[in-house]
């Protein structure tokens, strides 16, 4: 298992569109992907409802944990997505 904590910098936090992007990216990997917040709430990164339940606002710390055959690649991809402000072009 590998993990990394990242800060949500998107001004709107993780709302519906970013949550969908996280789930889409996570689905590309066979590894188990878990996301957790400061309140120790842990959710499945491949579940849209789970990711939305984090209610992560701008500035929130999210820990991404991956475990499986492609755990390193999955971790890098998800951290890059979150750090990119969910590829927001505005």
N, C-alpha and C. Protein backbone atom coordinates (compact mmCIF):
# COMPACT_ATOMS: atom_id res chain seq x y z
N UNK A 1 0.84 -1.17 0.00
CA UNK A 1 0.00 0.00 0.00
C UNK A 1 0.88 1.24 0.00
N UNK A 2 0.50 2.21 -0.83
CA UNK A 2 1.18 3.50 -0.86
C UNK A 2 0.14 4.58 -0.64
N UNK A 3 0.58 5.72 -0.11
CA UNK A 3 -0.36 6.80 0.14
C UNK A 3 0.34 8.15 0.07
N UNK A 4 -0.46 9.17 -0.13
CA UNK A 4 0.04 10.54 -0.15
C UNK A 4 -1.11 11.46 0.23
N UNK A 5 -0.79 12.50 0.99
CA UNK A 5 -1.79 13.49 1.37
C UNK A 5 -1.62 14.72 0.48
N UNK A 6 -2.73 15.19 -0.06
CA UNK A 6 -2.71 16.35 -0.95
C UNK A 6 -3.75 17.37 -0.47
N UNK A 7 -3.55 18.60 -0.86
CA UNK A 7 -4.48 19.68 -0.50
C UNK A 7 -5.38 19.97 -1.69
N UNK A 8 -6.67 20.09 -1.43
CA UNK A 8 -7.63 20.45 -2.47
C UNK A 8 -7.51 21.96 -2.68
N UNK A 9 -7.05 22.37 -3.85
CA UNK A 9 -6.87 23.79 -4.15
C UNK A 9 -8.00 24.36 -4.99
N UNK A 10 -8.83 23.52 -5.55
CA UNK A 10 -9.94 23.97 -6.37
C UNK A 10 -10.85 24.87 -5.54
N UNK A 11 -11.15 26.08 -6.00
CA UNK A 11 -11.98 27.00 -5.22
C UNK A 11 -13.34 26.43 -4.83
N UNK A 12 -13.88 25.52 -5.61
CA UNK A 12 -15.18 24.92 -5.30
C UNK A 12 -15.05 23.59 -4.57
N UNK A 13 -13.82 23.18 -4.28
CA UNK A 13 -13.62 21.91 -3.59
C UNK A 13 -13.93 20.73 -4.50
N UNK A 14 -14.24 19.61 -3.88
CA UNK A 14 -14.61 18.41 -4.65
C UNK A 14 -16.13 18.35 -4.70
N UNK A 15 -16.67 18.95 -5.76
CA UNK A 15 -18.11 18.90 -6.00
C UNK A 15 -18.38 17.82 -7.05
N UNK A 16 -19.52 17.84 -7.69
CA UNK A 16 -19.92 16.74 -8.58
C UNK A 16 -18.93 16.48 -9.72
N UNK A 17 -18.50 17.52 -10.44
CA UNK A 17 -17.61 17.30 -11.58
C UNK A 17 -16.25 16.74 -11.15
N UNK A 18 -15.58 17.34 -10.15
CA UNK A 18 -14.31 16.74 -9.72
C UNK A 18 -14.47 15.33 -9.17
N UNK A 19 -15.57 15.08 -8.47
CA UNK A 19 -15.79 13.72 -7.95
C UNK A 19 -15.90 12.73 -9.10
N UNK A 20 -16.60 13.13 -10.15
CA UNK A 20 -16.73 12.25 -11.32
C UNK A 20 -15.38 12.01 -11.98
N UNK A 21 -14.55 13.06 -12.05
CA UNK A 21 -13.21 12.90 -12.64
C UNK A 21 -12.35 11.95 -11.81
N UNK A 22 -12.45 12.05 -10.49
CA UNK A 22 -11.70 11.14 -9.61
C UNK A 22 -12.13 9.70 -9.85
N UNK A 23 -13.43 9.46 -9.89
CA UNK A 23 -13.95 8.10 -10.08
C UNK A 23 -13.55 7.56 -11.45
N UNK A 24 -13.64 8.39 -12.48
CA UNK A 24 -13.24 7.95 -13.82
C UNK A 24 -11.76 7.59 -13.86
N UNK A 25 -10.94 8.40 -13.24
CA UNK A 25 -9.49 8.12 -13.23
C UNK A 25 -9.21 6.86 -12.42
N UNK A 26 -9.86 6.73 -11.27
CA UNK A 26 -9.64 5.57 -10.40
C UNK A 26 -10.06 4.27 -11.09
N UNK A 27 -11.11 4.32 -11.87
CA UNK A 27 -11.64 3.13 -12.54
C UNK A 27 -10.65 2.54 -13.55
N UNK A 28 -9.68 3.31 -13.96
CA UNK A 28 -8.69 2.83 -14.93
C UNK A 28 -7.68 1.86 -14.31
N UNK A 29 -7.70 1.75 -12.98
CA UNK A 29 -6.69 0.94 -12.29
C UNK A 29 -7.35 -0.22 -11.56
N UNK A 30 -6.62 -1.32 -11.48
CA UNK A 30 -7.15 -2.50 -10.79
C UNK A 30 -6.96 -2.40 -9.28
N UNK A 31 -6.08 -1.53 -8.84
CA UNK A 31 -5.80 -1.39 -7.40
C UNK A 31 -7.02 -0.88 -6.64
N UNK A 32 -7.05 -1.22 -5.36
CA UNK A 32 -8.05 -0.64 -4.47
C UNK A 32 -7.62 0.79 -4.19
N UNK A 33 -8.57 1.71 -4.25
CA UNK A 33 -8.26 3.13 -4.04
C UNK A 33 -9.18 3.67 -2.96
N UNK A 34 -8.57 4.22 -1.92
CA UNK A 34 -9.32 4.79 -0.81
C UNK A 34 -8.92 6.25 -0.64
N UNK A 35 -9.90 7.08 -0.33
CA UNK A 35 -9.66 8.48 -0.04
C UNK A 35 -10.14 8.75 1.38
N UNK A 36 -9.40 9.57 2.11
CA UNK A 36 -9.84 9.91 3.46
C UNK A 36 -9.57 11.38 3.73
N UNK A 37 -10.34 11.92 4.68
CA UNK A 37 -10.20 13.32 5.04
C UNK A 37 -9.72 13.44 6.48
N UNK A 38 -9.61 14.66 6.96
CA UNK A 38 -9.10 14.91 8.31
C UNK A 38 -9.98 14.31 9.39
N UNK A 39 -11.25 14.11 9.11
CA UNK A 39 -12.17 13.52 10.08
C UNK A 39 -12.08 11.99 10.08
N UNK A 40 -11.09 11.47 9.39
CA UNK A 40 -10.84 10.03 9.29
C UNK A 40 -11.96 9.29 8.57
N UNK A 41 -12.73 10.01 7.79
CA UNK A 41 -13.74 9.36 6.95
C UNK A 41 -13.01 8.76 5.76
N UNK A 42 -13.20 7.47 5.53
CA UNK A 42 -12.50 6.74 4.48
C UNK A 42 -13.52 6.22 3.49
N UNK A 43 -13.32 6.52 2.20
CA UNK A 43 -14.29 6.13 1.18
C UNK A 43 -13.59 5.46 0.00
N UNK A 44 -14.37 4.71 -0.75
CA UNK A 44 -13.91 4.06 -1.96
C UNK A 44 -13.74 5.11 -3.06
N UNK A 45 -12.55 5.23 -3.60
CA UNK A 45 -12.28 6.21 -4.65
C UNK A 45 -12.92 5.88 -5.98
N UNK A 46 -13.54 4.71 -6.10
CA UNK A 46 -14.22 4.33 -7.32
C UNK A 46 -15.73 4.49 -7.20
N UNK A 47 -16.18 5.11 -6.12
CA UNK A 47 -17.61 5.32 -5.86
C UNK A 47 -17.92 6.81 -5.86
N UNK A 48 -18.75 7.24 -6.80
CA UNK A 48 -19.11 8.66 -6.88
C UNK A 48 -19.74 9.15 -5.58
N UNK A 49 -20.62 8.35 -5.01
CA UNK A 49 -21.28 8.74 -3.76
C UNK A 49 -20.26 8.82 -2.62
N UNK A 50 -19.34 7.89 -2.59
CA UNK A 50 -18.31 7.92 -1.55
C UNK A 50 -17.45 9.17 -1.64
N UNK A 51 -17.00 9.48 -2.84
CA UNK A 51 -16.14 10.66 -3.02
C UNK A 51 -16.90 11.93 -2.67
N UNK A 52 -18.17 12.01 -3.06
CA UNK A 52 -18.98 13.19 -2.73
C UNK A 52 -19.18 13.32 -1.22
N UNK A 53 -19.25 12.20 -0.52
CA UNK A 53 -19.46 12.22 0.93
C UNK A 53 -18.29 12.85 1.67
N UNK A 54 -17.13 12.93 1.06
CA UNK A 54 -15.99 13.57 1.71
C UNK A 54 -16.26 15.06 1.95
N UNK A 55 -17.09 15.66 1.10
CA UNK A 55 -17.43 17.09 1.20
C UNK A 55 -16.17 17.93 1.38
N UNK A 56 -15.18 17.66 0.57
CA UNK A 56 -13.88 18.34 0.68
C UNK A 56 -13.95 19.73 0.06
N UNK A 57 -13.74 20.73 0.88
CA UNK A 57 -13.73 22.11 0.42
C UNK A 57 -12.31 22.53 0.08
N UNK A 58 -12.17 23.71 -0.50
CA UNK A 58 -10.84 24.24 -0.80
C UNK A 58 -10.03 24.27 0.49
N UNK A 59 -8.80 23.80 0.41
CA UNK A 59 -7.92 23.76 1.57
C UNK A 59 -7.95 22.46 2.35
N UNK A 60 -8.91 21.60 2.04
CA UNK A 60 -9.02 20.31 2.74
C UNK A 60 -7.84 19.42 2.40
N UNK A 61 -7.41 18.63 3.37
CA UNK A 61 -6.35 17.65 3.18
C UNK A 61 -7.01 16.30 2.89
N UNK A 62 -6.66 15.69 1.77
CA UNK A 62 -7.19 14.39 1.36
C UNK A 62 -6.02 13.43 1.25
N UNK A 63 -6.16 12.27 1.88
CA UNK A 63 -5.14 11.23 1.76
C UNK A 63 -5.62 10.22 0.73
N UNK A 64 -4.79 9.96 -0.25
CA UNK A 64 -5.07 8.97 -1.29
C UNK A 64 -4.25 7.74 -0.96
N UNK A 65 -4.93 6.60 -0.83
CA UNK A 65 -4.25 5.32 -0.56
C UNK A 65 -4.56 4.37 -1.71
N UNK A 66 -3.55 3.68 -2.19
CA UNK A 66 -3.77 2.69 -3.24
C UNK A 66 -3.07 1.39 -2.85
N UNK A 67 -3.68 0.29 -3.23
CA UNK A 67 -3.09 -1.01 -2.95
C UNK A 67 -3.45 -1.97 -4.07
N UNK A 68 -2.42 -2.56 -4.66
CA UNK A 68 -2.65 -3.53 -5.73
C UNK A 68 -1.51 -3.52 -6.73
N UNK A 69 -1.74 -4.22 -7.82
CA UNK A 69 -0.70 -4.41 -8.83
C UNK A 69 -0.21 -3.12 -9.45
N UNK A 70 -1.09 -2.15 -9.62
CA UNK A 70 -0.70 -0.88 -10.25
C UNK A 70 -0.83 0.30 -9.28
N UNK A 71 -0.57 0.03 -8.00
CA UNK A 71 -0.77 1.04 -6.95
C UNK A 71 0.05 2.32 -7.16
N UNK A 72 1.29 2.18 -7.60
CA UNK A 72 2.12 3.37 -7.79
C UNK A 72 1.56 4.27 -8.90
N UNK A 73 1.20 3.66 -10.01
CA UNK A 73 0.66 4.43 -11.13
C UNK A 73 -0.66 5.08 -10.75
N UNK A 74 -1.51 4.35 -10.02
CA UNK A 74 -2.81 4.89 -9.60
C UNK A 74 -2.62 6.07 -8.66
N UNK A 75 -1.70 5.94 -7.73
CA UNK A 75 -1.45 7.03 -6.78
C UNK A 75 -0.98 8.29 -7.51
N UNK A 76 -0.03 8.13 -8.40
CA UNK A 76 0.50 9.27 -9.16
C UNK A 76 -0.62 9.94 -9.96
N UNK A 77 -1.44 9.15 -10.63
CA UNK A 77 -2.51 9.70 -11.48
C UNK A 77 -3.53 10.48 -10.66
N UNK A 78 -3.92 9.96 -9.52
CA UNK A 78 -4.92 10.64 -8.71
C UNK A 78 -4.37 11.88 -8.04
N UNK A 79 -3.16 11.81 -7.55
CA UNK A 79 -2.54 12.99 -6.93
C UNK A 79 -2.38 14.09 -7.98
N UNK A 80 -1.92 13.74 -9.18
CA UNK A 80 -1.77 14.73 -10.24
C UNK A 80 -3.12 15.37 -10.59
N UNK A 81 -4.18 14.58 -10.63
CA UNK A 81 -5.51 15.11 -10.94
C UNK A 81 -5.95 16.12 -9.89
N UNK A 82 -5.80 15.77 -8.62
CA UNK A 82 -6.21 16.68 -7.54
C UNK A 82 -5.35 17.94 -7.55
N UNK A 83 -4.05 17.78 -7.72
CA UNK A 83 -3.14 18.93 -7.72
C UNK A 83 -3.34 19.83 -8.94
N UNK A 84 -3.94 19.32 -10.00
CA UNK A 84 -4.18 20.11 -11.20
C UNK A 84 -5.48 20.91 -11.11
N UNK A 85 -6.09 20.92 -9.92
CA UNK A 85 -7.40 21.55 -9.74
C UNK A 85 -8.44 20.90 -10.66
N UNK A 86 -8.27 19.60 -10.86
CA UNK A 86 -9.19 18.81 -11.68
C UNK A 86 -9.22 19.30 -13.11
N UNK A 87 -8.03 19.66 -13.59
CA UNK A 87 -7.84 20.07 -14.97
C UNK A 87 -8.71 21.25 -15.33
N UNK A 88 -9.00 22.10 -14.34
CA UNK A 88 -9.85 23.28 -14.55
C UNK A 88 -9.12 24.27 -15.44
N UNK A 89 -9.75 24.67 -16.51
CA UNK A 89 -9.14 25.58 -17.46
C UNK A 89 -9.57 27.03 -17.25
N UNK A 90 -10.39 27.29 -16.22
CA UNK A 90 -10.87 28.68 -16.02
C UNK A 90 -9.87 29.53 -15.30
